[in-house]
Amino acid sequence: MSIRRVAAILFCVLLFSPQLAQAFNTYGSIRYRTEVVDQQTIARDGVANTLRLRGGLVTAPLAGFSALVEGTGVATIGPRQSSNAAQPDSRYPTINDPQNLDITQAAIRYRPNIPILGPDFDRISLRLGRQRIAHGNQRFIGPVGFRQTQQTFDAASLSLEGYGGWFLDYDYIWQVRRVVGRRADNGLGSLDADSHIFHGSYRGINAWRFTAYAYLFDVENDAFDLATYGGSARHTWQRDTTEFTVRGEAAYQRPDREQPSNRSYHYAMLDAQARHGPWTVNLGLEQLSGDALGAFQTPFATLHKFQGATDRFLTTPANGVTDGYMTLAYMVHGSTFGAFEGAAIPHVRLSGGAHEFRDGDGARHLGREYSLTAAMGFKNATRILLQGARYMAGDFSQDTDKFWLSFEAEF
């Protein structure tokens, strides 16, 4: 039986049973976004005005079991003036927020409480069904929360949360549901999989966090058959009124199963952050290697978080990419702006970012990007985001300007 049918049956049972109807909580959100793309080699600008409505329900625990059902609908407001994977149109740049209506989560969770096994046994949880999966900073797997339809996974997951400073996760994935929606053809909307994820971190040493992982992806798209092994270390400390954080990561990747190849690639990252009062500055260097025949890839990551907001490097170029970046942010807390008739605004965050891109060896210049962002949050879980980014091409891709304006409210 499909995930969609299981979700529909569960929803109907909860909706029409008075006893069960008192045993669940509902949630939802609405997000409107305007996205504009000006791409050098395409005469027309891409414009997408989209409205996303997401709603779900979560049952109260019963003998350790709980259930979650969530649906997402994305609608285009006004005429469509963009291309996407579900409706390609070569006259416009790509904005991958197509119209979509789907069950985005439908899962059962079991959290046992067996006193005979000790007080920490209830830190184990199991999840079965369609769900979001996010590990670490989402560099290798994540829900891609920026897009209107998020990436989800049909999976069985086991977690051990905080036992003796250890956090351990295992996921078996049999289908990946992509951000382009179920209407996309050519296997872009969903991919059958036979994949295993192992992720563990240790936080038992004060101010340190160590992480190790193995991502063994075997999916319908053979180009995504990748085995990746790596780890990271993070250290945070305080000096006077300034907080410092340093993080380093390294990984090794080789094609897996359906790709008969002896090639292998590496990933390395070093990031340093300082926070003083309302100011935060971040400096980093990230490298994904390549050899002209292939490169280190992260196809299931929350890619919009990395290598610039214009998304020029969603697929790593064959010669790899090195990204030197800097961000500077200023946060205003606890302000009330009279223009909003006394609506308290807990924070306003202003930030700017810069990226310098080169290939994996640093020989070729792949361009640079600058971005500015203003994010405003209200006490009633409403958020407003205004962002612009400009990518200036070097020996790769093409000049691209992007602009976003979004309003989001949770209920």
Protein backbone atom coordinates (compact mmCIF):
# COMPACT_ATOMS: atom_id res chain seq x y z
CA MET A 1 0.00 0.00 0.00
CA SER A 2 1.37 3.41 -0.96
CA ILE A 3 2.36 6.15 1.49
CA ARG A 4 -0.41 8.34 0.07
CA ARG A 5 -3.14 5.77 0.82
CA VAL A 6 -1.84 5.09 4.31
CA ALA A 7 -1.86 8.83 5.01
CA ALA A 8 -5.40 9.25 3.67
CA ILE A 9 -6.72 6.36 5.81
CA LEU A 10 -5.00 7.69 8.94
CA PHE A 11 -6.32 11.19 8.33
CA CYS A 12 -9.91 9.95 7.88
CA VAL A 13 -9.77 7.81 11.01
CA LEU A 14 -8.56 10.75 13.08
CA LEU A 15 -11.01 13.17 11.51
CA PHE A 16 -14.16 11.13 12.00
CA SER A 17 -13.44 9.51 15.36
CA PRO A 18 -14.50 11.83 18.23
CA GLN A 19 -12.31 10.00 20.74
CA LEU A 20 -9.22 10.10 18.56
CA ALA A 21 -9.88 13.66 17.42
CA GLN A 22 -9.06 14.82 20.95
CA ALA A 23 -5.73 13.01 20.84
CA PHE A 24 -3.87 14.96 18.20
CA ASN A 25 -2.48 18.41 17.56
CA THR A 26 -2.60 20.27 14.28
CA TYR A 27 -0.14 22.72 12.80
CA GLY A 28 0.27 24.67 9.61
CA SER A 29 2.06 27.44 7.79
CA ILE A 30 1.52 29.68 4.80
CA ARG A 31 4.31 31.23 2.75
CA TYR A 32 4.09 33.64 -0.18
CA ARG A 33 7.23 34.32 -2.20
CA THR A 34 8.25 36.37 -5.19
CA GLU A 35 11.44 35.20 -6.89
CA VAL A 36 13.01 37.08 -9.79
CA VAL A 37 15.95 35.79 -11.88
CA ASP A 38 17.93 37.77 -14.44
CA GLN A 39 20.28 35.43 -16.32
CA GLN A 40 22.77 36.77 -18.85
CA THR A 41 22.10 34.43 -21.79
CA ILE A 42 18.29 34.36 -21.46
CA ALA A 43 16.49 37.40 -22.86
CA ARG A 44 13.50 37.24 -20.52
CA ASP A 45 13.64 37.51 -16.74
CA GLY A 46 12.19 34.66 -14.74
CA VAL A 47 9.45 35.61 -12.28
CA ALA A 48 7.65 33.21 -9.94
CA ASN A 49 4.92 34.29 -7.52
CA THR A 50 4.04 31.22 -5.48
CA LEU A 51 1.89 30.49 -2.45
CA ARG A 52 2.56 27.48 -0.25
CA LEU A 53 0.10 26.07 2.27
CA ARG A 54 1.30 23.31 4.57
CA GLY A 55 -0.77 21.55 7.21
CA GLY A 56 -0.39 18.50 9.37
CA LEU A 57 -1.48 16.65 12.46
CA VAL A 58 0.47 14.78 15.11
CA THR A 59 -1.15 12.25 17.43
CA ALA A 60 -0.48 12.17 21.15
CA PRO A 61 1.73 9.24 22.23
CA LEU A 62 -0.14 5.99 22.92
CA ALA A 63 1.91 3.12 24.34
CA GLY A 64 4.96 4.83 22.88
CA PHE A 65 3.46 5.21 19.40
CA SER A 66 2.58 8.47 17.63
CA ALA A 67 1.78 9.34 14.03
CA LEU A 68 2.31 12.31 11.75
CA VAL A 69 0.52 13.26 8.51
CA GLU A 70 1.39 16.39 6.55
CA GLY A 71 0.29 17.76 3.19
CA THR A 72 1.75 20.57 1.10
CA GLY A 73 0.12 22.54 -1.68
CA VAL A 74 1.98 25.01 -3.90
CA ALA A 75 0.10 27.33 -6.27
CA THR A 76 1.36 29.80 -8.86
CA ILE A 77 -0.17 33.26 -8.51
CA GLY A 78 -0.67 35.00 -11.85
CA PRO A 79 0.85 33.99 -15.18
CA ARG A 80 3.79 31.59 -15.16
CA GLN A 81 7.00 33.30 -16.29
CA SER A 82 9.65 30.77 -15.35
CA SER A 83 10.89 27.29 -16.15
CA ASN A 84 10.89 24.35 -13.75
CA ALA A 85 11.43 20.61 -13.85
CA ALA A 86 7.69 19.90 -14.09
CA GLN A 87 7.04 22.50 -16.83
CA PRO A 88 10.27 23.30 -18.73
CA ASP A 89 10.26 26.50 -20.79
CA SER A 90 13.52 27.53 -22.48
CA ARG A 91 12.36 31.15 -22.76
CA TYR A 92 12.83 31.70 -19.01
CA PRO A 93 15.39 30.93 -16.28
CA THR A 94 14.67 28.03 -13.95
CA ILE A 95 12.85 28.59 -10.64
CA ASN A 96 12.12 25.17 -9.17
CA ASP A 97 8.88 25.90 -7.30
CA PRO A 98 6.29 24.21 -9.55
CA GLN A 99 2.65 23.80 -8.65
CA ASN A 100 2.30 20.74 -6.48
CA LEU A 101 -0.13 18.94 -4.17
CA ASP A 102 1.20 16.00 -2.23
CA ILE A 103 1.58 14.19 1.05
CA THR A 104 4.99 15.40 2.21
CA GLN A 105 5.13 13.50 5.50
CA ALA A 106 3.33 10.38 6.71
CA ALA A 107 5.16 8.49 9.41
CA ILE A 108 4.74 6.44 12.57
CA ARG A 109 7.10 6.99 15.49
CA TYR A 110 7.78 4.60 18.33
CA ARG A 111 9.54 5.71 21.48
CA PRO A 112 9.62 2.82 23.94
CA ASN A 113 9.47 3.29 27.68
CA ILE A 114 10.64 0.07 29.32
CA PRO A 115 11.72 0.78 32.94
CA ILE A 116 13.49 -2.55 33.34
CA LEU A 117 16.06 -1.45 30.76
CA GLY A 118 16.91 1.75 32.63
CA PRO A 119 15.84 5.40 32.59
CA ASP A 120 17.79 6.20 29.40
CA PHE A 121 16.09 3.60 27.21
CA ASP A 122 13.36 6.08 26.23
CA ARG A 123 16.02 8.05 24.37
CA ILE A 124 15.69 5.52 21.55
CA SER A 125 13.16 6.34 18.83
CA LEU A 126 12.12 4.65 15.60
CA ARG A 127 10.36 6.31 12.64
CA LEU A 128 8.80 4.59 9.65
CA GLY A 129 7.35 6.31 6.59
CA ARG A 130 7.72 9.57 4.70
CA GLN A 131 9.74 12.06 6.73
CA ARG A 132 12.27 14.85 6.70
CA ILE A 133 15.86 13.82 7.37
CA ALA A 134 18.53 16.33 8.33
CA HIS A 135 21.94 15.47 9.74
CA GLY A 136 24.58 17.92 10.89
CA ASN A 137 24.60 21.16 8.92
CA GLN A 138 22.69 19.44 6.07
CA ARG A 139 25.73 19.47 3.75
CA PHE A 140 25.00 15.89 2.69
CA ILE A 141 21.32 15.34 3.42
CA GLY A 142 18.53 17.76 4.32
CA PRO A 143 14.98 18.93 3.53
CA VAL A 144 15.92 22.00 1.39
CA GLY A 145 13.66 24.24 3.46
CA PHE A 146 14.21 27.22 1.15
CA ARG A 147 12.12 25.73 -1.67
CA GLN A 148 8.33 25.70 -1.45
CA THR A 149 8.17 21.89 -1.69
CA GLN A 150 10.69 20.33 0.65
CA GLN A 151 12.76 17.24 0.01
CA THR A 152 11.50 14.24 1.99
CA PHE A 153 12.39 10.57 2.21
CA ASP A 154 10.48 7.31 2.48
CA ALA A 155 12.62 5.70 5.13
CA ALA A 156 13.01 3.69 8.30
CA SER A 157 15.05 5.55 10.92
CA LEU A 158 16.54 4.67 14.28
CA SER A 159 17.89 7.33 16.68
CA LEU A 160 19.66 7.28 20.03
CA GLU A 161 19.47 10.74 21.55
CA GLY A 162 22.09 11.96 24.00
CA TYR A 163 22.94 8.73 25.81
CA GLY A 164 26.28 9.36 27.58
CA GLY A 165 26.99 12.25 25.23
CA TRP A 166 26.37 10.12 22.12
CA PHE A 167 23.86 10.92 19.38
CA LEU A 168 23.51 8.09 16.86
CA ASP A 169 21.31 7.82 13.77
CA TYR A 170 20.71 5.16 11.16
CA ASP A 171 18.40 5.63 8.15
CA TYR A 172 17.40 3.18 5.46
CA ILE A 173 15.90 5.07 2.49
CA TRP A 174 13.86 3.43 -0.25
CA GLN A 175 12.60 6.57 -2.01
CA VAL A 176 13.69 10.22 -2.31
CA ARG A 177 10.98 12.83 -2.96
CA ARG A 178 12.61 15.81 -4.65
CA VAL A 179 11.82 19.53 -4.35
CA VAL A 180 10.55 19.71 -7.95
CA GLY A 181 7.33 17.89 -7.00
CA ARG A 182 5.75 14.64 -8.09
CA ARG A 183 4.71 15.97 -11.51
CA ALA A 184 8.29 16.24 -12.76
CA ASP A 185 9.18 13.71 -15.45
CA ASN A 186 12.35 11.72 -16.12
CA GLY A 187 12.68 10.59 -12.52
CA LEU A 188 13.34 14.11 -11.25
CA GLY A 189 10.32 14.17 -8.92
CA SER A 190 11.09 10.98 -7.04
CA LEU A 191 13.88 8.43 -7.09
CA ASP A 192 13.72 4.82 -5.94
CA ALA A 193 16.57 4.07 -3.58
CA ASP A 194 18.34 1.38 -1.60
CA SER A 195 20.45 3.66 0.59
CA HIS A 196 21.96 3.55 4.06
CA ILE A 197 23.00 6.45 6.29
CA PHE A 198 25.08 6.20 9.45
CA HIS A 199 25.63 9.38 11.45
CA GLY A 200 27.03 9.74 14.93
CA SER A 201 28.28 12.55 17.13
CA TYR A 202 29.88 12.73 20.56
CA ARG A 203 29.41 15.75 22.84
CA GLY A 204 30.79 14.39 26.07
CA ILE A 205 33.86 16.66 26.11
CA ASN A 206 33.14 20.21 27.21
CA ALA A 207 32.83 22.69 24.29
CA TRP A 208 33.78 20.03 21.71
CA ARG A 209 31.64 18.09 19.26
CA PHE A 210 33.00 15.23 17.14
CA THR A 211 31.04 13.72 14.27
CA ALA A 212 31.55 10.73 11.97
CA TYR A 213 29.33 9.57 9.12
CA ALA A 214 28.86 7.26 6.16
CA TYR A 215 26.37 8.10 3.41
CA LEU A 216 25.87 5.10 1.11
CA PHE A 217 23.54 6.30 -1.65
CA ASP A 218 22.23 3.79 -4.19
CA VAL A 219 19.40 5.38 -6.17
CA GLU A 220 17.56 5.09 -9.46
CA ASN A 221 19.74 7.81 -10.99
CA ASP A 222 23.10 6.03 -11.31
CA ALA A 223 24.98 9.34 -11.20
CA PHE A 224 23.88 9.63 -7.56
CA ASP A 225 25.29 6.24 -6.54
CA LEU A 226 27.89 7.58 -4.14
CA ALA A 227 29.63 6.27 -1.03
CA THR A 228 30.87 9.07 1.23
CA TYR A 229 32.82 8.69 4.49
CA GLY A 230 33.93 11.56 6.69
CA GLY A 231 33.97 13.39 9.97
CA SER A 232 34.16 16.79 11.61
CA ALA A 233 35.24 18.50 14.82
CA ARG A 234 33.81 21.66 16.34
CA HIS A 235 35.07 23.72 19.27
CA THR A 236 33.40 26.72 20.94
CA TRP A 237 34.91 28.98 23.59
CA GLN A 238 34.30 32.33 25.23
CA ARG A 239 36.77 35.17 25.71
CA ASP A 240 35.44 38.18 27.59
CA THR A 241 32.16 39.01 25.78
CA THR A 242 33.07 37.36 22.47
CA GLU A 243 32.17 33.80 21.53
CA PHE A 244 34.39 31.94 19.05
CA THR A 245 33.59 28.79 17.10
CA VAL A 246 35.93 26.83 14.84
CA ARG A 247 34.84 23.85 12.76
CA GLY A 248 36.78 21.56 10.44
CA GLU A 249 35.52 18.72 8.25
CA ALA A 250 36.95 16.23 5.77
CA ALA A 251 35.33 13.50 3.67
CA TYR A 252 36.21 10.90 1.05
CA GLN A 253 33.85 9.86 -1.77
CA ARG A 254 33.84 7.20 -4.44
CA PRO A 255 31.24 6.08 -6.98
CA ASP A 256 29.26 3.14 -5.67
CA ARG A 257 27.65 0.01 -7.13
CA GLU A 258 26.33 0.96 -10.58
CA GLN A 259 29.35 3.12 -11.40
CA PRO A 260 32.33 0.88 -12.18
CA SER A 261 35.10 3.38 -11.52
CA ASN A 262 38.29 3.59 -9.51
CA ARG A 263 38.06 7.36 -9.17
CA SER A 264 37.67 8.99 -5.77
CA TYR A 265 37.27 12.57 -4.55
CA HIS A 266 37.66 14.53 -1.34
CA TYR A 267 35.89 17.27 0.58
CA ALA A 268 37.48 19.69 3.05
CA MET A 269 36.09 22.62 4.99
CA LEU A 270 37.40 25.02 7.62
CA ASP A 271 35.08 27.61 9.16
CA ALA A 272 35.65 30.23 11.88
CA GLN A 273 33.00 32.41 13.53
CA ALA A 274 33.14 35.21 16.09
CA ARG A 275 30.06 36.64 17.83
CA HIS A 276 30.23 39.86 19.83
CA GLY A 277 26.98 41.47 20.97
CA PRO A 278 24.73 41.94 17.92
CA TRP A 279 27.60 41.33 15.47
CA THR A 280 28.59 38.01 13.89
CA VAL A 281 31.41 37.51 11.40
CA ASN A 282 32.05 34.24 9.61
CA LEU A 283 35.05 33.22 7.46
CA GLY A 284 35.44 29.91 5.70
CA LEU A 285 37.01 27.86 2.95
CA GLU A 286 35.32 24.84 1.38
CA GLN A 287 36.76 22.57 -1.31
CA LEU A 288 35.14 19.81 -3.39
CA SER A 289 37.71 18.10 -5.60
CA GLY A 290 37.38 17.06 -9.24
CA ASP A 291 39.53 15.49 -11.98
CA ALA A 292 37.79 16.64 -15.22
CA LEU A 293 36.01 13.27 -15.42
CA GLY A 294 33.99 13.71 -12.25
CA ALA A 295 33.82 15.55 -8.94
CA PHE A 296 32.70 15.31 -5.32
CA GLN A 297 28.88 15.62 -5.32
CA THR A 298 26.22 16.17 -2.64
CA PRO A 299 22.92 15.70 -4.56
CA PHE A 300 20.67 15.30 -1.48
CA ALA A 301 22.00 18.22 0.57
CA THR A 302 20.18 21.43 1.43
CA LEU A 303 22.25 22.96 -1.36
CA HIS A 304 20.87 26.51 -1.15
CA LYS A 305 22.73 26.92 2.17
CA PHE A 306 26.11 26.48 0.51
CA GLN A 307 28.23 28.08 -2.22
CA GLY A 308 26.10 31.16 -2.68
CA ALA A 309 22.42 32.06 -2.87
CA THR A 310 22.29 32.13 -6.70
CA ASP A 311 22.67 28.31 -6.79
CA ARG A 312 25.32 28.27 -9.53
CA PHE A 313 26.98 25.17 -8.06
CA LEU A 314 24.12 22.78 -7.28
CA THR A 315 26.15 20.25 -9.28
CA THR A 316 29.90 20.41 -8.67
CA PRO A 317 31.82 21.22 -11.89
CA ALA A 318 34.00 18.42 -13.27
CA ASN A 319 37.18 20.16 -12.11
CA GLY A 320 35.79 20.71 -8.62
CA VAL A 321 35.12 23.97 -6.81
CA THR A 322 36.81 25.93 -4.02
CA ASP A 323 34.67 28.48 -2.19
CA GLY A 324 36.23 31.15 -0.02
CA TYR A 325 33.45 32.99 1.80
CA MET A 326 32.73 35.67 4.37
CA THR A 327 29.49 36.82 6.01
CA LEU A 328 28.83 39.74 8.32
CA ALA A 329 25.54 39.98 10.24
CA TYR A 330 23.98 42.44 12.67
CA MET A 331 21.04 41.40 14.85
CA VAL A 332 18.63 43.83 16.52
CA HIS A 333 16.68 42.27 19.42
CA GLY A 334 13.59 43.30 21.35
CA SER A 335 12.58 46.27 19.22
CA THR A 336 9.12 47.64 18.59
CA PHE A 337 8.67 49.57 15.39
CA GLY A 338 5.93 52.18 15.45
CA ALA A 339 5.23 51.74 11.75
CA PHE A 340 3.69 48.36 12.60
CA GLU A 341 1.16 49.75 15.10
CA GLY A 342 2.84 48.28 18.17
CA ALA A 343 3.48 44.82 16.71
CA ALA A 344 6.51 43.64 18.67
CA ILE A 345 9.34 42.48 16.42
CA PRO A 346 11.67 40.19 18.39
CA HIS A 347 14.49 40.53 15.90
CA VAL A 348 15.71 42.08 12.68
CA ARG A 349 18.78 40.47 11.12
CA LEU A 350 20.80 42.31 8.48
CA SER A 351 23.57 40.40 6.74
CA GLY A 352 25.87 40.51 3.76
CA GLY A 353 27.91 37.75 2.17
CA ALA A 354 30.71 37.35 -0.36
CA HIS A 355 32.01 34.25 -2.17
CA GLU A 356 35.11 33.80 -4.30
CA PHE A 357 34.95 30.66 -6.46
CA ARG A 358 37.80 28.75 -8.07
CA ASP A 359 38.13 25.22 -9.35
CA GLY A 360 39.34 22.40 -7.08
CA ASP A 361 43.01 23.18 -7.73
CA GLY A 362 42.54 26.95 -7.46
CA ALA A 363 43.79 27.51 -11.02
CA ARG A 364 40.59 28.69 -12.77
CA HIS A 365 38.43 31.56 -11.58
CA LEU A 366 34.78 30.44 -11.46
CA GLY A 367 33.30 33.78 -10.48
CA ARG A 368 32.26 35.61 -7.35
CA GLU A 369 28.98 36.38 -5.62
CA TYR A 370 27.71 39.14 -3.30
CA SER A 371 24.44 39.06 -1.38
CA LEU A 372 22.42 41.21 1.02
CA THR A 373 19.66 39.93 3.30
CA ALA A 374 17.14 41.50 5.67
CA ALA A 375 15.09 39.13 7.82
CA MET A 376 12.39 40.32 10.21
CA GLY A 377 10.65 38.10 12.76
CA PHE A 378 7.44 38.88 14.65
CA LYS A 379 6.22 37.41 17.93
CA ASN A 380 3.24 35.77 16.21
CA ALA A 381 5.56 33.44 14.23
CA THR A 382 5.41 35.65 11.14
CA ARG A 383 8.60 36.22 9.15
CA ILE A 384 9.49 38.58 6.31
CA LEU A 385 12.58 38.02 4.19
CA LEU A 386 14.11 40.32 1.61
CA GLN A 387 17.21 39.11 -0.21
CA GLY A 388 19.24 39.91 -3.31
CA ALA A 389 22.31 38.21 -4.78
CA ARG A 390 24.56 38.87 -7.77
CA TYR A 391 26.85 36.27 -9.33
CA MET A 392 29.56 37.54 -11.67
CA ALA A 393 30.85 34.72 -13.82
CA GLY A 394 34.51 33.94 -14.36
CA ASP A 395 35.40 30.91 -16.48
CA PHE A 396 32.15 29.20 -15.55
CA SER A 397 28.39 29.65 -15.98
CA GLN A 398 26.94 33.13 -16.67
CA ASP A 399 26.17 36.38 -14.85
CA THR A 400 23.04 35.95 -12.70
CA ASP A 401 21.03 38.28 -10.48
CA LYS A 402 18.36 36.96 -8.11
CA PHE A 403 15.87 38.65 -5.81
CA TRP A 404 13.46 37.21 -3.23
CA LEU A 405 10.66 38.66 -1.13
CA SER A 406 8.75 36.28 1.12
CA PHE A 407 6.14 36.37 3.89
CA GLU A 408 5.61 33.34 6.13
CA ALA A 409 3.24 32.73 9.00
CA GLU A 410 2.80 29.66 11.21
CA PHE A 411 -0.40 28.65 12.93
